[in-house]
């Protein structure tokens, strides 16, 4: 890949994905450059449907089809990132089906605004988070990809679920989307209209707590597979997991209220996560042990409970 193509991808990742960009900086160069390109491709497709104010559904679909043709090498790319993605796809043997599934998932966002069950949401993530996990695993080239892949997919789903739970306010205000499953909201007596009005309640907090617990299980499954990645990729992936999971601590500290204020990580907090993860990694190269020690995800045996009236703002 030409340096100008890598730089174009890097600029997009640095602008739109600061948390993942920080972890990417610790990848070996052979993987880091490819990651810049992959992330930029994902963002270009994502922005077709996420930054589409005033753009008709027909035009959004047409733009995704244009991206599809370029990404699959059916036509000459008109963007340095897409040109680099074509090269990357061929070099690492990324199957056309993975690209197709990812773009199909992006197309789902044009019309779909709600997900009835977690299984429905999981089906969406198979095209988005799972495809990302498969492509990232491909460019890392583990010795045993078949063993690493299921864990990589789970970790990708964990990252995406964290984004969904962190971005409830932004998604409903800017895109009229609610990714928290309808069955979870109903079980806790939370109507869509309450979320649309950005009205927090203990019932909404309980629904958030339930989905956070589900997501924490995904992190544990995903992190368990980091040991199957090349040694020079393990710390950066572990760091990405710690950084994404840290949003859960912020959500807990806000009393599960993601409707009034969107949770975010300060630069100081990110650097602290980085420092403590690297320090523990220096002494113990077991990804699961380090993650359990430094991340915001509680150990599975810990007693966990939904928030109630008496612990609206839990302490950590």
Protein backbone atom coordinates (compact mmCIF):
# COMPACT_ATOMS: atom_id res chain seq x y z
CA UNK A 1 0.00 0.00 0.00
CA UNK A 2 1.22 3.47 -0.83
CA UNK A 3 1.99 5.77 2.09
CA UNK A 4 -0.51 8.35 0.88
CA UNK A 5 -3.26 5.72 1.07
CA UNK A 6 -2.23 4.71 4.59
CA UNK A 7 -2.12 8.37 5.63
CA UNK A 8 -5.64 8.92 4.28
CA UNK A 9 -6.95 6.03 6.36
CA UNK A 10 -5.00 7.14 9.40
CA UNK A 11 -6.48 10.64 9.20
CA UNK A 12 -10.03 9.26 9.15
CA UNK A 13 -9.37 6.94 12.09
CA UNK A 14 -7.69 9.69 14.11
CA UNK A 15 -10.64 12.01 13.52
CA UNK A 16 -13.52 9.60 14.09
CA UNK A 17 -12.24 6.82 16.38
CA UNK A 18 -9.95 8.30 19.00
CA UNK A 19 -10.30 5.41 21.47
CA UNK A 20 -9.49 2.69 18.95
CA UNK A 21 -6.81 4.89 17.39
CA UNK A 22 -4.94 5.00 20.70
CA UNK A 23 -4.82 1.20 20.86
CA UNK A 24 -3.92 0.96 17.16
CA UNK A 25 -0.75 2.98 17.77
CA UNK A 26 0.66 0.03 19.71
CA UNK A 27 0.18 -2.49 16.90
CA UNK A 28 3.25 -3.55 14.91
CA UNK A 29 3.62 -1.55 11.72
CA UNK A 30 2.65 -4.50 9.51
CA UNK A 31 -0.78 -4.57 11.21
CA UNK A 32 -1.10 -0.91 12.16
CA UNK A 33 -1.10 0.40 8.60
CA UNK A 34 -3.67 -2.16 7.48
CA UNK A 35 -5.83 -1.30 10.50
CA UNK A 36 -5.85 2.39 9.52
CA UNK A 37 -7.18 1.39 6.10
CA UNK A 38 -9.74 -1.07 7.45
CA UNK A 39 -11.10 1.39 9.99
CA UNK A 40 -11.33 4.15 7.39
CA UNK A 41 -13.27 1.86 5.05
CA UNK A 42 -15.68 0.97 7.86
CA UNK A 43 -16.19 4.65 8.68
CA UNK A 44 -16.74 5.70 5.07
CA UNK A 45 -19.52 3.12 4.75
CA UNK A 46 -20.95 3.92 8.17
CA UNK A 47 -21.11 7.65 7.46
CA UNK A 48 -23.22 7.04 4.36
CA UNK A 49 -26.11 6.10 6.67
CA UNK A 50 -25.15 7.87 9.90
CA UNK A 51 -24.45 11.32 8.45
CA UNK A 52 -27.33 11.31 6.02
CA UNK A 53 -29.45 14.27 7.05
CA UNK A 54 -31.44 15.38 4.02
CA UNK A 55 -30.22 12.46 1.88
CA UNK A 56 -32.95 10.17 0.55
CA UNK A 57 -32.86 6.42 1.29
CA UNK A 58 -32.50 5.79 -2.43
CA UNK A 59 -29.34 7.92 -2.63
CA UNK A 60 -27.92 6.24 0.47
CA UNK A 61 -28.46 2.79 -1.05
CA UNK A 62 -26.92 3.93 -4.33
CA UNK A 63 -23.85 5.24 -2.50
CA UNK A 64 -23.43 1.95 -0.61
CA UNK A 65 -23.67 0.05 -3.90
CA UNK A 66 -21.01 2.34 -5.37
CA UNK A 67 -18.77 1.56 -2.39
CA UNK A 68 -19.51 -2.14 -2.76
CA UNK A 69 -18.42 -2.20 -6.40
CA UNK A 70 -15.19 -0.38 -5.60
CA UNK A 71 -14.39 -2.42 -2.49
CA UNK A 72 -14.85 -5.68 -4.39
CA UNK A 73 -12.71 -4.51 -7.30
CA UNK A 74 -15.56 -4.46 -9.82
CA UNK A 75 -14.78 -0.85 -10.78
CA UNK A 76 -11.79 1.43 -10.34
CA UNK A 77 -11.82 3.12 -6.92
CA UNK A 78 -12.17 6.89 -6.78
CA UNK A 79 -10.83 7.24 -3.23
CA UNK A 80 -7.35 6.44 -1.82
CA UNK A 81 -8.88 4.51 1.08
CA UNK A 82 -10.93 2.32 -1.26
CA UNK A 83 -7.89 1.74 -3.46
CA UNK A 84 -5.89 0.66 -0.42
CA UNK A 85 -8.77 -1.52 0.80
CA UNK A 86 -8.84 -3.34 -2.54
CA UNK A 87 -5.12 -4.12 -2.18
CA UNK A 88 -5.55 -5.16 1.44
CA UNK A 89 -8.49 -7.46 0.66
CA UNK A 90 -6.48 -9.28 -2.00
CA UNK A 91 -3.28 -9.46 0.05
CA UNK A 92 -4.92 -11.02 3.12
CA UNK A 93 -7.49 -13.13 1.31
CA UNK A 94 -10.51 -11.39 2.84
CA UNK A 95 -13.55 -13.13 1.38
CA UNK A 96 -16.00 -11.13 -0.70
CA UNK A 97 -18.75 -12.46 1.59
CA UNK A 98 -17.32 -10.52 4.56
CA UNK A 99 -17.41 -7.28 2.61
CA UNK A 100 -20.91 -8.04 1.37
CA UNK A 101 -22.19 -8.82 4.88
CA UNK A 102 -20.70 -5.64 6.28
CA UNK A 103 -22.24 -3.41 3.61
CA UNK A 104 -25.57 -5.23 3.91
CA UNK A 105 -25.57 -4.41 7.64
CA UNK A 106 -24.90 -0.77 6.86
CA UNK A 107 -27.84 -0.81 4.45
CA UNK A 108 -30.04 -2.13 7.28
CA UNK A 109 -29.50 1.16 9.12
CA UNK A 110 -31.20 3.10 6.33
CA UNK A 111 -34.66 1.87 7.28
CA UNK A 112 -34.49 -0.07 10.51
CA UNK A 113 -34.90 1.93 13.71
CA UNK A 114 -35.73 -0.71 16.37
CA UNK A 115 -34.74 -4.29 17.23
CA UNK A 116 -37.37 -6.51 18.83
CA UNK A 117 -35.06 -9.08 20.44
CA UNK A 118 -31.38 -9.43 21.22
CA UNK A 119 -31.29 -12.21 18.61
CA UNK A 120 -32.39 -9.62 16.03
CA UNK A 121 -29.64 -7.27 17.15
CA UNK A 122 -27.13 -10.12 17.11
CA UNK A 123 -28.08 -10.85 13.50
CA UNK A 124 -27.30 -7.23 12.63
CA UNK A 125 -23.96 -7.47 14.45
CA UNK A 126 -23.02 -10.58 12.48
CA UNK A 127 -22.74 -8.31 9.48
CA UNK A 128 -21.10 -5.39 11.26
CA UNK A 129 -19.13 -6.36 14.38
CA UNK A 130 -18.50 -9.95 13.25
CA UNK A 131 -17.26 -8.88 9.82
CA UNK A 132 -14.93 -6.38 11.46
CA UNK A 133 -13.59 -9.10 13.77
CA UNK A 134 -12.99 -11.44 10.85
CA UNK A 135 -11.15 -8.80 8.82
CA UNK A 136 -9.03 -7.67 11.76
CA UNK A 137 -8.07 -11.27 12.48
CA UNK A 138 -7.10 -11.76 8.85
CA UNK A 139 -4.61 -8.87 8.85
CA UNK A 140 -3.04 -10.06 12.14
CA UNK A 141 -2.40 -13.51 10.59
CA UNK A 142 -2.59 -15.72 13.72
CA UNK A 143 -1.11 -19.22 13.52
CA UNK A 144 -4.51 -20.79 14.22
CA UNK A 145 -7.15 -18.43 12.81
CA UNK A 146 -9.99 -20.93 13.29
CA UNK A 147 -9.40 -20.91 17.05
CA UNK A 148 -8.93 -17.14 17.25
CA UNK A 149 -11.92 -16.16 15.08
CA UNK A 150 -14.88 -16.98 17.37
CA UNK A 151 -13.29 -14.94 20.17
CA UNK A 152 -12.50 -12.05 17.80
CA UNK A 153 -16.14 -11.98 16.72
CA UNK A 154 -17.33 -11.88 20.34
CA UNK A 155 -14.93 -9.05 21.14
CA UNK A 156 -16.17 -7.12 18.12
CA UNK A 157 -19.74 -7.59 19.35
CA UNK A 158 -18.71 -6.40 22.82
CA UNK A 159 -17.22 -3.22 21.36
CA UNK A 160 -20.35 -2.58 19.31
CA UNK A 161 -22.69 -3.21 22.23
CA UNK A 162 -20.68 -0.77 24.34
CA UNK A 163 -21.08 1.79 21.57
CA UNK A 164 -24.84 1.15 21.43
CA UNK A 165 -25.24 1.56 25.20
CA UNK A 166 -22.97 4.60 25.34
CA UNK A 167 -24.66 6.32 22.39
CA UNK A 168 -28.35 5.85 23.28
CA UNK A 169 -28.86 9.62 23.47
CA UNK A 170 -27.05 10.41 20.21
CA UNK A 171 -28.71 7.58 18.29
CA UNK A 172 -32.26 8.55 19.24
CA UNK A 173 -31.76 12.32 18.87
CA UNK A 174 -29.82 12.31 15.60
CA UNK A 175 -31.07 9.14 13.88
CA UNK A 176 -34.27 8.03 15.64
CA UNK A 177 -32.62 4.68 16.39
CA UNK A 178 -32.85 2.63 19.58
CA UNK A 179 -30.53 -0.36 19.67
CA UNK A 180 -31.49 -1.52 23.17
CA UNK A 181 -33.73 -4.54 22.41
CA UNK A 182 -37.44 -3.85 22.69
CA UNK A 183 -37.93 -7.01 24.77
CA UNK A 184 -35.49 -5.70 27.39
CA UNK A 185 -37.21 -2.32 27.52
CA UNK A 186 -40.66 -3.89 27.82
CA UNK A 187 -39.50 -6.24 30.57
CA UNK A 188 -38.58 -3.18 32.63
CA UNK A 189 -41.60 -1.09 31.64
CA UNK A 190 -39.72 1.42 29.49
CA UNK A 191 -41.64 2.70 26.43
CA UNK A 192 -39.79 4.07 23.41
CA UNK A 193 -41.46 7.43 23.96
CA UNK A 194 -39.64 7.83 27.29
CA UNK A 195 -36.28 7.38 25.58
CA UNK A 196 -37.30 9.70 22.77
CA UNK A 197 -38.05 12.35 25.41
CA UNK A 198 -34.68 11.60 27.05
CA UNK A 199 -36.42 10.94 30.36
CA UNK A 200 -34.34 8.81 32.72
CA UNK A 201 -35.96 6.49 35.27
CA UNK A 202 -34.83 3.67 37.53
CA UNK A 203 -36.62 1.31 35.15
CA UNK A 204 -34.46 2.52 32.26
CA UNK A 205 -31.41 2.13 34.51
CA UNK A 206 -32.39 -1.49 35.20
CA UNK A 207 -32.70 -2.14 31.45
CA UNK A 208 -29.26 -0.64 30.89
CA UNK A 209 -27.79 -2.74 33.70
CA UNK A 210 -29.18 -5.90 32.10
CA UNK A 211 -27.64 -5.10 28.72
CA UNK A 212 -24.34 -4.11 30.34
CA UNK A 213 -24.17 -7.52 32.02
CA UNK A 214 -24.82 -9.22 28.70
CA UNK A 215 -22.06 -7.15 27.12
CA UNK A 216 -19.65 -7.96 29.94
CA UNK A 217 -20.05 -11.66 29.11
CA UNK A 218 -19.09 -10.86 25.51
CA UNK A 219 -15.91 -9.15 26.72
CA UNK A 220 -14.94 -12.20 28.76
CA UNK A 221 -15.45 -14.50 25.76
CA UNK A 222 -13.56 -12.14 23.48
CA UNK A 223 -10.60 -11.50 25.76
CA UNK A 224 -10.20 -15.25 26.31
CA UNK A 225 -9.07 -15.51 22.68
CA UNK A 226 -6.40 -12.80 22.72
CA UNK A 227 -3.83 -15.48 23.61
CA UNK A 228 -4.34 -16.97 20.13
CA UNK A 229 -3.20 -13.79 18.38
CA UNK A 230 0.44 -13.12 17.44
CA UNK A 231 2.41 -11.98 20.49
CA UNK A 232 3.03 -8.50 19.09
CA UNK A 233 -0.72 -7.96 18.67
CA UNK A 234 -1.91 -9.15 22.07
CA UNK A 235 -1.24 -6.02 24.15
CA UNK A 236 -2.84 -3.60 21.63
CA UNK A 237 -6.01 -5.72 21.40
CA UNK A 238 -6.11 -6.06 25.18
CA UNK A 239 -5.69 -2.30 25.49
CA UNK A 240 -8.59 -1.72 23.08
CA UNK A 241 -10.76 -4.01 25.22
CA UNK A 242 -9.80 -2.19 28.42
CA UNK A 243 -10.48 1.22 26.87
CA UNK A 244 -13.88 0.28 25.45
CA UNK A 245 -14.90 -1.46 28.66
CA UNK A 246 -13.98 1.65 30.65
CA UNK A 247 -17.15 3.25 29.27
CA UNK A 248 -19.05 0.83 31.48
CA UNK A 249 -17.46 2.41 34.54
CA UNK A 250 -18.53 5.85 33.33
CA UNK A 251 -22.07 4.58 32.76
CA UNK A 252 -22.15 3.09 36.26
CA UNK A 253 -20.81 6.34 37.72
CA UNK A 254 -23.61 8.24 35.96
CA UNK A 255 -26.18 5.99 37.63
CA UNK A 256 -26.92 4.36 34.25
CA UNK A 257 -28.27 7.68 32.96
CA UNK A 258 -27.03 7.87 29.37
CA UNK A 259 -30.00 10.00 28.33
CA UNK A 260 -29.01 13.24 30.06
CA UNK A 261 -25.29 13.06 29.28
CA UNK A 262 -23.43 10.82 26.86
CA UNK A 263 -20.63 8.93 28.66
CA UNK A 264 -17.15 9.79 27.43
CA UNK A 265 -13.57 9.08 28.41
CA UNK A 266 -11.25 11.97 29.17
CA UNK A 267 -7.73 11.91 27.76
CA UNK A 268 -6.39 11.52 31.31
CA UNK A 269 -8.62 8.51 31.91
CA UNK A 270 -7.53 6.87 28.65
CA UNK A 271 -3.87 7.41 29.52
CA UNK A 272 -4.43 5.93 32.98
CA UNK A 273 -6.01 2.83 31.40
CA UNK A 274 -3.03 2.60 29.07
CA UNK A 275 -0.48 2.96 31.87
CA UNK A 276 -1.99 0.41 34.25
CA UNK A 277 -2.58 -2.11 31.44
CA UNK A 278 1.03 -1.87 30.23
CA UNK A 279 2.35 -2.10 33.79
CA UNK A 280 0.43 -5.28 34.58
CA UNK A 281 1.28 -6.71 31.15
CA UNK A 282 4.97 -6.25 31.96
CA UNK A 283 4.59 -8.66 34.88
CA UNK A 284 1.94 -11.02 33.54
CA UNK A 285 1.41 -11.90 29.86
CA UNK A 286 -1.95 -13.59 30.52
CA UNK A 287 -4.57 -11.39 28.73
CA UNK A 288 -7.48 -12.68 30.81
CA UNK A 289 -5.69 -12.13 34.11
CA UNK A 290 -4.63 -8.60 33.19
CA UNK A 291 -8.10 -7.72 31.87
CA UNK A 292 -9.68 -8.95 35.08
CA UNK A 293 -7.22 -6.89 37.12
CA UNK A 294 -7.44 -3.56 35.27
CA UNK A 295 -10.74 -3.39 33.35
CA UNK A 296 -14.11 -2.03 34.42
CA UNK A 297 -15.68 -5.46 33.81
CA UNK A 298 -16.29 -7.28 37.11
CA UNK A 299 -15.12 -10.84 37.64
CA UNK A 300 -17.88 -13.28 36.73
CA UNK A 301 -18.21 -14.56 40.27
CA UNK A 302 -18.89 -11.07 41.66
CA UNK A 303 -22.38 -10.37 42.93
CA UNK A 304 -23.95 -8.07 40.38
CA UNK A 305 -27.37 -6.47 40.58
CA UNK A 306 -29.59 -4.02 38.82
CA UNK A 307 -29.86 -0.51 40.22
CA UNK A 308 -32.70 0.13 42.64
CA UNK A 309 -34.08 3.24 44.30
CA UNK A 310 -31.52 2.99 47.09
CA UNK A 311 -28.47 2.72 44.82
CA UNK A 312 -29.38 5.03 41.96
CA UNK A 313 -25.75 6.17 41.68
CA UNK A 314 -23.56 3.18 42.54
CA UNK A 315 -20.05 3.65 43.83
CA UNK A 316 -17.02 1.78 42.51
